[in-house]
PDB file of all heavy atoms in Angstrom:
ATOM      1  N   SER A   1      28.292   4.925  -7.636  1.00  0.00           N
ATOM      2  CA  SER A   1      29.204   3.911  -8.091  1.00  0.00           C
ATOM      3  C   SER A   1      29.709   4.158  -9.539  1.00  0.00           C
ATOM      4  O   SER A   1      30.836   3.853  -9.901  1.00  0.00           O
ATOM      5  CB  SER A   1      28.461   2.523  -8.008  1.00  0.00           C
ATOM      6  OG  SER A   1      29.320   1.480  -8.450  1.00  0.00           O
ATOM      7  N   ALA A   2      28.685   4.742 -10.302  1.00  0.00           N
ATOM      8  CA  ALA A   2      29.090   5.180 -11.698  1.00  0.00           C
ATOM      9  C   ALA A   2      30.213   6.255 -11.691  1.00  0.00           C
ATOM     10  O   ALA A   2      31.137   6.322 -12.473  1.00  0.00           O
ATOM     11  CB  ALA A   2      27.871   5.617 -12.506  1.00  0.00           C
ATOM     12  N   MET A   3      29.994   7.197 -10.735  1.00  0.00           N
ATOM     13  CA  MET A   3      30.994   8.303 -10.605  1.00  0.00           C
ATOM     14  C   MET A   3      32.320   7.879 -10.025  1.00  0.00           C
ATOM     15  O   MET A   3      33.344   8.359 -10.343  1.00  0.00           O
ATOM     16  CB  MET A   3      30.400   9.427  -9.804  1.00  0.00           C
ATOM     17  CG  MET A   3      29.310  10.209 -10.441  1.00  0.00           C
ATOM     18  SD  MET A   3      28.788  11.683  -9.599  1.00  0.00           S
ATOM     19  CE  MET A   3      28.010  11.001  -8.103  1.00  0.00           C
ATOM     20  N   PHE A   4      32.221   6.870  -9.046  1.00  0.00           N
ATOM     21  CA  PHE A   4      33.378   6.418  -8.471  1.00  0.00           C
ATOM     22  C   PHE A   4      33.457   4.921  -8.564  1.00  0.00           C
ATOM     23  O   PHE A   4      33.064   4.149  -7.676  1.00  0.00           O
ATOM     24  CB  PHE A   4      33.349   6.761  -6.883  1.00  0.00           C
ATOM     25  CG  PHE A   4      33.192   8.243  -6.619  1.00  0.00           C
ATOM     26  CD1 PHE A   4      31.981   8.747  -6.324  1.00  0.00           C
ATOM     27  CD2 PHE A   4      34.258   9.123  -6.775  1.00  0.00           C
ATOM     28  CE1 PHE A   4      31.807  10.147  -6.141  1.00  0.00           C
ATOM     29  CE2 PHE A   4      34.228  10.548  -6.495  1.00  0.00           C
ATOM     30  CZ  PHE A   4      32.883  11.018  -6.230  1.00  0.00           C
ATOM     31  N   PRO A   5      33.920   4.379  -9.770  1.00  0.00           N
ATOM     32  CA  PRO A   5      33.775   2.912 -10.002  1.00  0.00           C
ATOM     33  C   PRO A   5      34.544   1.988  -9.138  1.00  0.00           C
ATOM     34  O   PRO A   5      34.248   0.852  -9.040  1.00  0.00           O
ATOM     35  CB  PRO A   5      34.358   2.875 -11.493  1.00  0.00           C
ATOM     36  CG  PRO A   5      35.092   4.125 -11.725  1.00  0.00           C
ATOM     37  CD  PRO A   5      34.481   5.171 -10.874  1.00  0.00           C
ATOM     38  N   HIS A   6      35.510   2.501  -8.375  1.00  0.00           N
ATOM     39  CA  HIS A   6      36.262   1.667  -7.423  1.00  0.00           C
ATOM     40  C   HIS A   6      35.729   1.767  -6.057  1.00  0.00           C
ATOM     41  O   HIS A   6      36.332   1.201  -5.094  1.00  0.00           O
ATOM     42  CB  HIS A   6      37.767   2.073  -7.522  1.00  0.00           C
ATOM     43  CG  HIS A   6      38.375   1.895  -8.858  1.00  0.00           C
ATOM     44  ND1 HIS A   6      38.526   0.621  -9.503  1.00  0.00           N
ATOM     45  CD2 HIS A   6      38.891   2.753  -9.777  1.00  0.00           C
ATOM     46  CE1 HIS A   6      39.021   0.782 -10.654  1.00  0.00           C
ATOM     47  NE2 HIS A   6      39.250   2.114 -10.907  1.00  0.00           N
ATOM     48  N   ALA A   7      34.646   2.564  -5.802  1.00  0.00           N
ATOM     49  CA  ALA A   7      34.122   2.718  -4.493  1.00  0.00           C
ATOM     50  C   ALA A   7      33.442   1.513  -3.976  1.00  0.00           C
ATOM     51  O   ALA A   7      32.973   0.740  -4.719  1.00  0.00           O
ATOM     52  CB  ALA A   7      33.174   3.915  -4.476  1.00  0.00           C
ATOM     53  N   LYS A   8      33.527   1.299  -2.641  1.00  0.00           N
ATOM     54  CA  LYS A   8      32.787   0.319  -1.929  1.00  0.00           C
ATOM     55  C   LYS A   8      31.777   1.074  -0.974  1.00  0.00           C
ATOM     56  O   LYS A   8      32.121   2.093  -0.475  1.00  0.00           O
ATOM     57  CB  LYS A   8      33.648  -0.693  -1.199  1.00  0.00           C
ATOM     58  CG  LYS A   8      34.557  -1.446  -2.190  1.00  0.00           C
ATOM     59  CD  LYS A   8      35.263  -2.600  -1.432  1.00  0.00           C
ATOM     60  CE  LYS A   8      35.910  -3.515  -2.406  1.00  0.00           C
ATOM     61  NZ  LYS A   8      36.537  -4.694  -1.700  1.00  0.00           N
ATOM     62  N   PHE A   9      30.716   0.373  -0.693  1.00  0.00           N
ATOM     63  CA  PHE A   9      29.672   0.940   0.138  1.00  0.00           C
ATOM     64  C   PHE A   9      29.296   0.044   1.307  1.00  0.00           C
ATOM     65  O   PHE A   9      29.239  -1.202   1.125  1.00  0.00           O
ATOM     66  CB  PHE A   9      28.421   1.261  -0.732  1.00  0.00           C
ATOM     67  CG  PHE A   9      28.710   2.160  -1.868  1.00  0.00           C
ATOM     68  CD1 PHE A   9      29.084   1.650  -3.030  1.00  0.00           C
ATOM     69  CD2 PHE A   9      28.554   3.514  -1.734  1.00  0.00           C
ATOM     70  CE1 PHE A   9      29.348   2.435  -4.199  1.00  0.00           C
ATOM     71  CE2 PHE A   9      28.872   4.306  -2.837  1.00  0.00           C
ATOM     72  CZ  PHE A   9      29.300   3.789  -4.017  1.00  0.00           C
ATOM     73  N   LEU A  10      29.198   0.634   2.390  1.00  0.00           N
ATOM     74  CA  LEU A  10      28.624   0.014   3.620  1.00  0.00           C
ATOM     75  C   LEU A  10      27.212   0.569   3.845  1.00  0.00           C
ATOM     76  O   LEU A  10      27.008   1.804   4.053  1.00  0.00           O
ATOM     77  CB  LEU A  10      29.553   0.193   4.861  1.00  0.00           C
ATOM     78  CG  LEU A  10      30.898  -0.304   4.771  1.00  0.00           C
ATOM     79  CD1 LEU A  10      31.711   0.145   6.037  1.00  0.00           C
ATOM     80  CD2 LEU A  10      30.853  -1.834   4.711  1.00  0.00           C
ATOM     81  N   LEU A  11      26.289  -0.318   4.043  1.00  0.00           N
ATOM     82  CA  LEU A  11      24.931   0.094   4.404  1.00  0.00           C
ATOM     83  C   LEU A  11      24.697  -0.421   5.748  1.00  0.00           C
ATOM     84  O   LEU A  11      24.516  -1.575   6.085  1.00  0.00           O
ATOM     85  CB  LEU A  11      23.943  -0.519   3.485  1.00  0.00           C
ATOM     86  CG  LEU A  11      22.457  -0.354   3.812  1.00  0.00           C
ATOM     87  CD1 LEU A  11      22.107   1.196   3.894  1.00  0.00           C
ATOM     88  CD2 LEU A  11      21.571  -0.948   2.727  1.00  0.00           C
ATOM     89  N   LEU A  12      24.647   0.520   6.693  1.00  0.00           N
ATOM     90  CA  LEU A  12      24.430   0.238   8.144  1.00  0.00           C
ATOM     91  C   LEU A  12      22.928   0.177   8.389  1.00  0.00           C
ATOM     92  O   LEU A  12      22.255   1.168   8.057  1.00  0.00           O
ATOM     93  CB  LEU A  12      25.036   1.234   9.016  1.00  0.00           C
ATOM     94  CG  LEU A  12      25.145   0.942  10.460  1.00  0.00           C
ATOM     95  CD1 LEU A  12      25.876  -0.291  10.818  1.00  0.00           C
ATOM     96  CD2 LEU A  12      25.659   2.121  11.294  1.00  0.00           C
ATOM     97  N   ILE A  13      22.478  -0.963   8.743  1.00  0.00           N
ATOM     98  CA  ILE A  13      20.958  -1.125   8.937  1.00  0.00           C
ATOM     99  C   ILE A  13      20.735  -1.264  10.464  1.00  0.00           C
ATOM    100  O   ILE A  13      21.392  -2.066  11.184  1.00  0.00           O
ATOM    101  CB  ILE A  13      20.510  -2.398   8.193  1.00  0.00           C
ATOM    102  CG1 ILE A  13      20.710  -2.218   6.733  1.00  0.00           C
ATOM    103  CG2 ILE A  13      19.070  -2.664   8.539  1.00  0.00           C
ATOM    104  CD1 ILE A  13      20.474  -3.449   5.914  1.00  0.00           C
ATOM    105  N   ARG A  14      19.825  -0.457  10.960  1.00  0.00           N
ATOM    106  CA  ARG A  14      19.460  -0.507  12.433  1.00  0.00           C
ATOM    107  C   ARG A  14      17.944  -0.626  12.503  1.00  0.00           C
ATOM    108  O   ARG A  14      17.191  -0.130  11.633  1.00  0.00           O
ATOM    109  CB  ARG A  14      19.876   0.793  13.055  1.00  0.00           C
ATOM    110  CG  ARG A  14      19.690   0.730  14.565  1.00  0.00           C
ATOM    111  CD  ARG A  14      20.312   2.039  15.206  1.00  0.00           C
ATOM    112  NE  ARG A  14      20.100   1.948  16.672  1.00  0.00           N
ATOM    113  CZ  ARG A  14      20.216   2.979  17.559  1.00  0.00           C
ATOM    114  NH1 ARG A  14      20.512   4.211  16.981  1.00  0.00           N
ATOM    115  NH2 ARG A  14      20.076   2.802  18.804  1.00  0.00           N
ATOM    116  N   ASP A  15      17.567  -1.201  13.555  1.00  0.00           N
ATOM    117  CA  ASP A  15      16.025  -1.403  13.862  1.00  0.00           C
ATOM    118  C   ASP A  15      15.471  -0.015  13.728  1.00  0.00           C
ATOM    119  O   ASP A  15      15.866   0.960  14.420  1.00  0.00           O
ATOM    120  CB  ASP A  15      15.921  -1.977  15.250  1.00  0.00           C
ATOM    121  CG  ASP A  15      14.389  -2.308  15.551  1.00  0.00           C
ATOM    122  OD1 ASP A  15      13.587  -1.323  15.463  1.00  0.00           O
ATOM    123  OD2 ASP A  15      14.103  -3.339  15.925  1.00  0.00           O
ATOM    124  N   ALA A  16      14.497   0.113  12.893  1.00  0.00           N
ATOM    125  CA  ALA A  16      13.844   1.447  12.611  1.00  0.00           C
ATOM    126  C   ALA A  16      13.212   2.027  13.839  1.00  0.00           C
ATOM    127  O   ALA A  16      13.273   3.319  14.061  1.00  0.00           O
ATOM    128  CB  ALA A  16      12.727   1.253  11.548  1.00  0.00           C
ATOM    129  N   ARG A  17      12.766   1.256  14.812  1.00  0.00           N
ATOM    130  CA  ARG A  17      12.147   1.785  16.035  1.00  0.00           C
ATOM    131  C   ARG A  17      13.175   2.477  16.788  1.00  0.00           C
ATOM    132  O   ARG A  17      12.949   3.607  17.372  1.00  0.00           O
ATOM    133  CB  ARG A  17      11.460   0.677  16.793  1.00  0.00           C
ATOM    134  CG  ARG A  17      10.300  -0.030  16.076  1.00  0.00           C
ATOM    135  CD  ARG A  17       9.892  -1.260  16.730  1.00  0.00           C
ATOM    136  NE  ARG A  17      11.029  -2.189  16.616  1.00  0.00           N
ATOM    137  CZ  ARG A  17      10.913  -3.424  17.093  1.00  0.00           C
ATOM    138  NH1 ARG A  17       9.906  -3.940  17.674  1.00  0.00           N
ATOM    139  NH2 ARG A  17      12.029  -4.290  16.955  1.00  0.00           N
ATOM    140  N   ALA A  18      14.435   1.900  16.915  1.00  0.00           N
ATOM    141  CA  ALA A  18      15.516   2.535  17.563  1.00  0.00           C
ATOM    142  C   ALA A  18      15.968   3.844  16.924  1.00  0.00           C
ATOM    143  O   ALA A  18      16.220   4.883  17.582  1.00  0.00           O
ATOM    144  CB  ALA A  18      16.670   1.658  17.788  1.00  0.00           C
ATOM    145  N   VAL A  19      16.040   3.845  15.681  1.00  0.00           N
ATOM    146  CA  VAL A  19      16.411   5.018  14.874  1.00  0.00           C
ATOM    147  C   VAL A  19      15.417   6.144  15.145  1.00  0.00           C
ATOM    148  O   VAL A  19      15.870   7.339  15.444  1.00  0.00           O
ATOM    149  CB  VAL A  19      16.481   4.757  13.330  1.00  0.00           C
ATOM    150  CG1 VAL A  19      16.711   6.005  12.602  1.00  0.00           C
ATOM    151  CG2 VAL A  19      17.559   3.731  13.058  1.00  0.00           C
ATOM    152  N   LEU A  20      14.155   5.828  14.988  1.00  0.00           N
ATOM    153  CA  LEU A  20      13.190   6.951  15.146  1.00  0.00           C
ATOM    154  C   LEU A  20      13.030   7.349  16.580  1.00  0.00           C
ATOM    155  O   LEU A  20      12.901   8.633  16.748  1.00  0.00           O
ATOM    156  CB  LEU A  20      11.761   6.373  14.677  1.00  0.00           C
ATOM    157  CG  LEU A  20      11.823   6.119  13.125  1.00  0.00           C
ATOM    158  CD1 LEU A  20      10.533   5.412  12.707  1.00  0.00           C
ATOM    159  CD2 LEU A  20      12.162   7.369  12.325  1.00  0.00           C
ATOM    160  N   HIS A  21      13.204   6.483  17.542  1.00  0.00           N
ATOM    161  CA  HIS A  21      13.264   6.998  18.918  1.00  0.00           C
ATOM    162  C   HIS A  21      14.373   7.883  19.250  1.00  0.00           C
ATOM    163  O   HIS A  21      14.114   9.040  19.795  1.00  0.00           O
ATOM    164  CB  HIS A  21      13.399   5.815  19.874  1.00  0.00           C
ATOM    165  CG  HIS A  21      13.409   6.103  21.283  1.00  0.00           C
ATOM    166  ND1 HIS A  21      14.612   6.343  21.960  1.00  0.00           N
ATOM    167  CD2 HIS A  21      12.427   6.399  22.178  1.00  0.00           C
ATOM    168  CE1 HIS A  21      14.280   6.705  23.166  1.00  0.00           C
ATOM    169  NE2 HIS A  21      12.992   6.717  23.462  1.00  0.00           N
ATOM    170  N   SER A  22      15.561   7.597  18.598  1.00  0.00           N
ATOM    171  CA  SER A  22      16.665   8.575  18.692  1.00  0.00           C
ATOM    172  C   SER A  22      16.422   9.826  18.059  1.00  0.00           C
ATOM    173  O   SER A  22      16.706  10.948  18.662  1.00  0.00           O
ATOM    174  CB  SER A  22      17.929   7.879  18.138  1.00  0.00           C
ATOM    175  OG  SER A  22      19.091   8.730  18.174  1.00  0.00           O
ATOM    176  N   ILE A  23      15.923   9.886  16.755  1.00  0.00           N
ATOM    177  CA  ILE A  23      15.618  11.071  16.075  1.00  0.00           C
ATOM    178  C   ILE A  23      14.606  11.962  16.845  1.00  0.00           C
ATOM    179  O   ILE A  23      14.881  13.125  16.994  1.00  0.00           O
ATOM    180  CB  ILE A  23      15.036  10.654  14.638  1.00  0.00           C
ATOM    181  CG1 ILE A  23      16.233  10.111  13.762  1.00  0.00           C
ATOM    182  CG2 ILE A  23      14.535  11.963  14.023  1.00  0.00           C
ATOM    183  CD1 ILE A  23      15.704   9.518  12.459  1.00  0.00           C
ATOM    184  N   MET A  24      13.541  11.291  17.281  1.00  0.00           N
ATOM    185  CA  MET A  24      12.493  12.078  17.911  1.00  0.00           C
ATOM    186  C   MET A  24      12.767  12.523  19.257  1.00  0.00           C
ATOM    187  O   MET A  24      12.465  13.700  19.572  1.00  0.00           O
ATOM    188  CB  MET A  24      11.148  11.197  17.881  1.00  0.00           C
ATOM    189  CG  MET A  24      10.675  10.972  16.441  1.00  0.00           C
ATOM    190  SD  MET A  24       9.347   9.755  16.312  1.00  0.00           S
ATOM    191  CE  MET A  24       7.941  10.767  16.897  1.00  0.00           C
ATOM    192  N   THR A  25      13.494  11.775  20.131  1.00  0.00           N
ATOM    193  CA  THR A  25      13.791  12.218  21.407  1.00  0.00           C
ATOM    194  C   THR A  25      14.948  13.252  21.455  1.00  0.00           C
ATOM    195  O   THR A  25      14.979  14.157  22.281  1.00  0.00           O
ATOM    196  CB  THR A  25      14.186  11.069  22.406  1.00  0.00           C
ATOM    197  OG1 THR A  25      15.305  10.318  21.871  1.00  0.00           O
ATOM    198  CG2 THR A  25      13.072  10.127  22.648  1.00  0.00           C
ATOM    199  N   ARG A  26      15.827  13.157  20.524  1.00  0.00           N
ATOM    200  CA  ARG A  26      16.965  14.201  20.361  1.00  0.00           C
ATOM    201  C   ARG A  26      16.523  15.268  19.523  1.00  0.00           C
ATOM    202  O   ARG A  26      17.289  16.240  19.374  1.00  0.00           O
ATOM    203  CB  ARG A  26      18.242  13.508  19.836  1.00  0.00           C
ATOM    204  CG  ARG A  26      18.818  12.493  20.823  1.00  0.00           C
ATOM    205  CD  ARG A  26      20.095  11.787  20.279  1.00  0.00           C
ATOM    206  NE  ARG A  26      20.007  11.467  18.903  1.00  0.00           N
ATOM    207  CZ  ARG A  26      20.888  11.793  18.031  1.00  0.00           C
ATOM    208  NH1 ARG A  26      21.967  12.539  18.373  1.00  0.00           N
ATOM    209  NH2 ARG A  26      20.782  11.389  16.835  1.00  0.00           N
ATOM    210  N   GLN A  27      15.365  15.249  18.967  1.00  0.00           N
ATOM    211  CA  GLN A  27      14.738  16.257  18.142  1.00  0.00           C
ATOM    212  C   GLN A  27      15.729  16.667  16.936  1.00  0.00           C
ATOM    213  O   GLN A  27      15.951  17.818  16.690  1.00  0.00           O
ATOM    214  CB  GLN A  27      14.349  17.462  18.930  1.00  0.00           C
ATOM    215  CG  GLN A  27      13.342  17.237  19.941  1.00  0.00           C
ATOM    216  CD  GLN A  27      12.866  18.528  20.627  1.00  0.00           C
ATOM    217  OE1 GLN A  27      13.317  19.564  20.531  1.00  0.00           O
ATOM    218  NE2 GLN A  27      11.796  18.288  21.400  1.00  0.00           N
ATOM    219  N   VAL A  28      16.176  15.566  16.235  1.00  0.00           N
ATOM    220  CA  VAL A  28      16.927  15.778  15.035  1.00  0.00           C
ATOM    221  C   VAL A  28      15.961  16.005  13.890  1.00  0.00           C
ATOM    222  O   VAL A  28      15.070  15.261  13.612  1.00  0.00           O
ATOM    223  CB  VAL A  28      17.716  14.436  14.805  1.00  0.00           C
ATOM    224  CG1 VAL A  28      18.599  14.613  13.500  1.00  0.00           C
ATOM    225  CG2 VAL A  28      18.721  14.202  15.955  1.00  0.00           C
TER     226      VAL A  28
END
């Protein structure tokens, strides 16, 4: 934000269990 003062940010939040299941089963 300091480097790009006009920037806006989207924080996408997902259930951690779903994220980790995806990471682990797809071996990311």
